[in-house]
Amino acid sequence: MESIQATKQRFGIIGNDPKLNRAVEKAIQVAPTDISVLVTGESGVG
């Protein structure tokens, strides 16, 4: 499994907030699966 930092670099994701890292980690976990994922958050933050 690719590391969080490697994934962020690969996709040009900038930032090192723990919540951002957690979201990237979850994306890495579900990426190889065939399930639907809904990502929610405050409007205008990304």
PDB file of N, CA and C in Angstrom:
ATOM      1  N   MET A   1       0.853  -1.177   0.000  1.00  0.00           N
ATOM      2  CA  MET A   1       0.000   0.000   0.000  1.00  0.00           C
ATOM      3  C   MET A   1       0.901   1.243   0.000  1.00  0.00           C
ATOM      4  N   GLU A   2       0.547   2.200  -0.829  1.00  0.00           N
ATOM      5  CA  GLU A   2       1.301   3.443  -0.946  1.00  0.00           C
ATOM      6  C   GLU A   2       1.126   4.292   0.324  1.00  0.00           C
ATOM      7  N   SER A   3       2.178   4.988   0.740  1.00  0.00           N
ATOM      8  CA  SER A   3       2.099   5.820   1.940  1.00  0.00           C
ATOM      9  C   SER A   3       1.237   7.060   1.690  1.00  0.00           C
ATOM     10  N   ILE A   4       0.797   7.662   2.773  1.00  0.00           N
ATOM     11  CA  ILE A   4      -0.016   8.875   2.677  1.00  0.00           C
ATOM     12  C   ILE A   4       0.769   9.973   1.976  1.00  0.00           C
ATOM     13  N   GLN A   5       2.020  10.180   2.386  1.00  0.00           N
ATOM     14  CA  GLN A   5       2.830  11.247   1.794  1.00  0.00           C
ATOM     15  C   GLN A   5       3.070  10.991   0.312  1.00  0.00           C
ATOM     16  N   ALA A   6       3.338   9.747  -0.072  1.00  0.00           N
ATOM     17  CA  ALA A   6       3.565   9.421  -1.484  1.00  0.00           C
ATOM     18  C   ALA A   6       2.304   9.666  -2.303  1.00  0.00           C
ATOM     19  N   THR A   7       1.155   9.316  -1.757  1.00  0.00           N
ATOM     20  CA  THR A   7      -0.116   9.537  -2.453  1.00  0.00           C
ATOM     21  C   THR A   7      -0.381  11.022  -2.626  1.00  0.00           C
ATOM     22  N   LYS A   8      -0.155  11.799  -1.574  1.00  0.00           N
ATOM     23  CA  LYS A   8      -0.368  13.243  -1.664  1.00  0.00           C
ATOM     24  C   LYS A   8       0.556  13.863  -2.704  1.00  0.00           C
ATOM     25  N   GLN A   9       1.800  13.430  -2.738  1.00  0.00           N
ATOM     26  CA  GLN A   9       2.740  13.959  -3.727  1.00  0.00           C
ATOM     27  C   GLN A   9       2.311  13.567  -5.139  1.00  0.00           C
ATOM     28  N   ARG A  10       1.892  12.322  -5.306  1.00  0.00           N
ATOM     29  CA  ARG A  10       1.484  11.814  -6.622  1.00  0.00           C
ATOM     30  C   ARG A  10       0.317  12.601  -7.208  1.00  0.00           C
ATOM     31  N   PHE A  11      -0.629  13.011  -6.357  1.00  0.00           N
ATOM     32  CA  PHE A  11      -1.821  13.710  -6.831  1.00  0.00           C
ATOM     33  C   PHE A  11      -1.771  15.216  -6.598  1.00  0.00           C
ATOM     34  N   GLY A  12      -0.645  15.729  -6.130  1.00  0.00           N
ATOM     35  CA  GLY A  12      -0.497  17.167  -5.938  1.00  0.00           C
ATOM     36  C   GLY A  12      -1.313  17.723  -4.786  1.00  0.00           C
ATOM     37  N   ILE A  13      -1.545  16.904  -3.770  1.00  0.00           N
ATOM     38  CA  ILE A  13      -2.301  17.345  -2.597  1.00  0.00           C
ATOM     39  C   ILE A  13      -1.340  18.049  -1.649  1.00  0.00           C
ATOM     40  N   ILE A  14      -1.670  19.289  -1.306  1.00  0.00           N
ATOM     41  CA  ILE A  14      -0.801  20.097  -0.450  1.00  0.00           C
ATOM     42  C   ILE A  14      -1.450  20.242   0.917  1.00  0.00           C
ATOM     43  N   GLY A  15      -0.680  20.041   1.963  1.00  0.00           N
ATOM     44  CA  GLY A  15      -1.170  20.210   3.326  1.00  0.00           C
ATOM     45  C   GLY A  15      -0.755  19.041   4.186  1.00  0.00           C
ATOM     46  N   ASN A  16      -0.728  19.268   5.487  1.00  0.00           N
ATOM     47  CA  ASN A  16      -0.316  18.211   6.405  1.00  0.00           C
ATOM     48  C   ASN A  16      -1.197  18.189   7.649  1.00  0.00           C
ATOM     49  N   ASP A  17      -2.447  18.572   7.488  1.00  0.00           N
ATOM     50  CA  ASP A  17      -3.392  18.549   8.593  1.00  0.00           C
ATOM     51  C   ASP A  17      -3.766  17.107   8.913  1.00  0.00           C
ATOM     52  N   PRO A  18      -3.869  16.736  10.179  1.00  0.00           N
ATOM     53  CA  PRO A  18      -4.241  15.364  10.529  1.00  0.00           C
ATOM     54  C   PRO A  18      -5.558  14.905   9.893  1.00  0.00           C
ATOM     55  N   LYS A  19      -6.539  15.811   9.766  1.00  0.00           N
ATOM     56  CA  LYS A  19      -7.817  15.432   9.151  1.00  0.00           C
ATOM     57  C   LYS A  19      -7.646  15.153   7.662  1.00  0.00           C
ATOM     58  N   LEU A  20      -6.820  15.942   6.992  1.00  0.00           N
ATOM     59  CA  LEU A  20      -6.527  15.700   5.579  1.00  0.00           C
ATOM     60  C   LEU A  20      -5.824  14.359   5.418  1.00  0.00           C
ATOM     61  N   ASN A  21      -4.836  14.105   6.266  1.00  0.00           N
ATOM     62  CA  ASN A  21      -4.112  12.837   6.190  1.00  0.00           C
ATOM     63  C   ASN A  21      -5.036  11.649   6.441  1.00  0.00           C
ATOM     64  N   ARG A  22      -5.989  11.811   7.356  1.00  0.00           N
ATOM     65  CA  ARG A  22      -6.949  10.740   7.632  1.00  0.00           C
ATOM     66  C   ARG A  22      -7.836  10.484   6.413  1.00  0.00           C
ATOM     67  N   ALA A  23      -8.256  11.550   5.742  1.00  0.00           N
ATOM     68  CA  ALA A  23      -9.082  11.399   4.539  1.00  0.00           C
ATOM     69  C   ALA A  23      -8.307  10.698   3.428  1.00  0.00           C
ATOM     70  N   VAL A  24      -7.043  11.068   3.253  1.00  0.00           N
ATOM     71  CA  VAL A  24      -6.207  10.414   2.237  1.00  0.00           C
ATOM     72  C   VAL A  24      -6.005   8.947   2.600  1.00  0.00           C
ATOM     73  N   GLU A  25      -5.783   8.666   3.874  1.00  0.00           N
ATOM     74  CA  GLU A  25      -5.605   7.282   4.325  1.00  0.00           C
ATOM     75  C   GLU A  25      -6.852   6.442   4.020  1.00  0.00           C
ATOM     76  N   LYS A  26      -8.024   6.995   4.286  1.00  0.00           N
ATOM     77  CA  LYS A  26      -9.272   6.274   3.991  1.00  0.00           C
ATOM     78  C   LYS A  26      -9.433   6.061   2.488  1.00  0.00           C
ATOM     79  N   ALA A  27      -9.062   7.066   1.691  1.00  0.00           N
ATOM     80  CA  ALA A  27      -9.144   6.928   0.234  1.00  0.00           C
ATOM     81  C   ALA A  27      -8.226   5.813  -0.254  1.00  0.00           C
ATOM     82  N   ILE A  28      -7.038   5.724   0.327  1.00  0.00           N
ATOM     83  CA  ILE A  28      -6.101   4.650  -0.032  1.00  0.00           C
ATOM     84  C   ILE A  28      -6.714   3.290   0.298  1.00  0.00           C
ATOM     85  N   GLN A  29      -7.400   3.206   1.438  1.00  0.00           N
ATOM     86  CA  GLN A  29      -7.998   1.938   1.868  1.00  0.00           C
ATOM     87  C   GLN A  29      -9.118   1.482   0.939  1.00  0.00           C
ATOM     88  N   VAL A  30      -9.957   2.403   0.478  1.00  0.00           N
ATOM     89  CA  VAL A  30     -11.112   2.001  -0.325  1.00  0.00           C
ATOM     90  C   VAL A  30     -10.825   1.981  -1.825  1.00  0.00           C
ATOM     91  N   ALA A  31      -9.716   2.578  -2.247  1.00  0.00           N
ATOM     92  CA  ALA A  31      -9.404   2.664  -3.683  1.00  0.00           C
ATOM     93  C   ALA A  31      -9.419   1.312  -4.396  1.00  0.00           C
ATOM     94  N   PRO A  32      -8.868   0.255  -3.808  1.00  0.00           N
ATOM     95  CA  PRO A  32      -8.864  -1.019  -4.536  1.00  0.00           C
ATOM     96  C   PRO A  32     -10.191  -1.774  -4.485  1.00  0.00           C
ATOM     97  N   THR A  33     -11.194  -1.235  -3.801  1.00  0.00           N
ATOM     98  CA  THR A  33     -12.478  -1.927  -3.682  1.00  0.00           C
ATOM     99  C   THR A  33     -13.453  -1.451  -4.752  1.00  0.00           C
ATOM    100  N   ASP A  34     -14.594  -2.088  -4.786  1.00  0.00           N
ATOM    101  CA  ASP A  34     -15.623  -1.772  -5.777  1.00  0.00           C
ATOM    102  C   ASP A  34     -16.849  -1.146  -5.104  1.00  0.00           C
ATOM    103  N   ILE A  35     -16.622  -0.433  -3.990  1.00  0.00           N
ATOM    104  CA  ILE A  35     -17.739   0.162  -3.266  1.00  0.00           C
ATOM    105  C   ILE A  35     -17.827   1.661  -3.545  1.00  0.00           C
ATOM    106  N   SER A  36     -19.011   2.211  -3.354  1.00  0.00           N
ATOM    107  CA  SER A  36     -19.203   3.653  -3.490  1.00  0.00           C
ATOM    108  C   SER A  36     -18.835   4.331  -2.178  1.00  0.00           C
ATOM    109  N   VAL A  37     -18.275   5.528  -2.278  1.00  0.00           N
ATOM    110  CA  VAL A  37     -17.863   6.277  -1.091  1.00  0.00           C
ATOM    111  C   VAL A  37     -18.382   7.702  -1.207  1.00  0.00           C
ATOM    112  N   LEU A  38     -18.949   8.221  -0.132  1.00  0.00           N
ATOM    113  CA  LEU A  38     -19.416   9.599  -0.090  1.00  0.00           C
ATOM    114  C   LEU A  38     -18.499  10.374   0.847  1.00  0.00           C
ATOM    115  N   VAL A  39     -17.845  11.390   0.310  1.00  0.00           N
ATOM    116  CA  VAL A  39     -16.966  12.237   1.111  1.00  0.00           C
ATOM    117  C   VAL A  39     -17.719  13.530   1.395  1.00  0.00           C
ATOM    118  N   THR A  40     -17.860  13.868   2.663  1.00  0.00           N
ATOM    119  CA  THR A  40     -18.593  15.070   3.047  1.00  0.00           C
ATOM    120  C   THR A  40     -17.676  16.024   3.803  1.00  0.00           C
ATOM    121  N   GLY A  41     -18.083  17.260   3.883  1.00  0.00           N
ATOM    122  CA  GLY A  41     -17.314  18.254   4.623  1.00  0.00           C
ATOM    123  C   GLY A  41     -17.968  19.604   4.483  1.00  0.00           C
ATOM    124  N   GLU A  42     -17.373  20.574   5.130  1.00  0.00           N
ATOM    125  CA  GLU A  42     -17.914  21.923   5.076  1.00  0.00           C
ATOM    126  C   GLU A  42     -17.776  22.494   3.678  1.00  0.00           C
ATOM    127  N   SER A  43     -18.740  23.288   3.282  1.00  0.00           N
ATOM    128  CA  SER A  43     -18.728  23.913   1.970  1.00  0.00           C
ATOM    129  C   SER A  43     -17.573  24.904   1.862  1.00  0.00           C
ATOM    130  N   GLY A  44     -16.871  24.857   0.737  1.00  0.00           N
ATOM    131  CA  GLY A  44     -15.824  25.826   0.471  1.00  0.00           C
ATOM    132  C   GLY A  44     -14.468  25.527   1.058  1.00  0.00           C
ATOM    133  N   VAL A  45     -14.284  24.354   1.621  1.00  0.00           N
ATOM    134  CA  VAL A  45     -12.986  24.034   2.220  1.00  0.00           C
ATOM    135  C   VAL A  45     -12.123  23.159   1.324  1.00  0.00           C
ATOM    136  N   GLY A  46     -12.529  22.923   0.148  1.00  0.00           N
ATOM    137  CA  GLY A  46     -11.694  22.098  -0.719  1.00  0.00           C
ATOM    138  C   GLY A  46     -12.409  21.751  -1.944  1.00  0.00           C
TER     139      GLY A  46
END
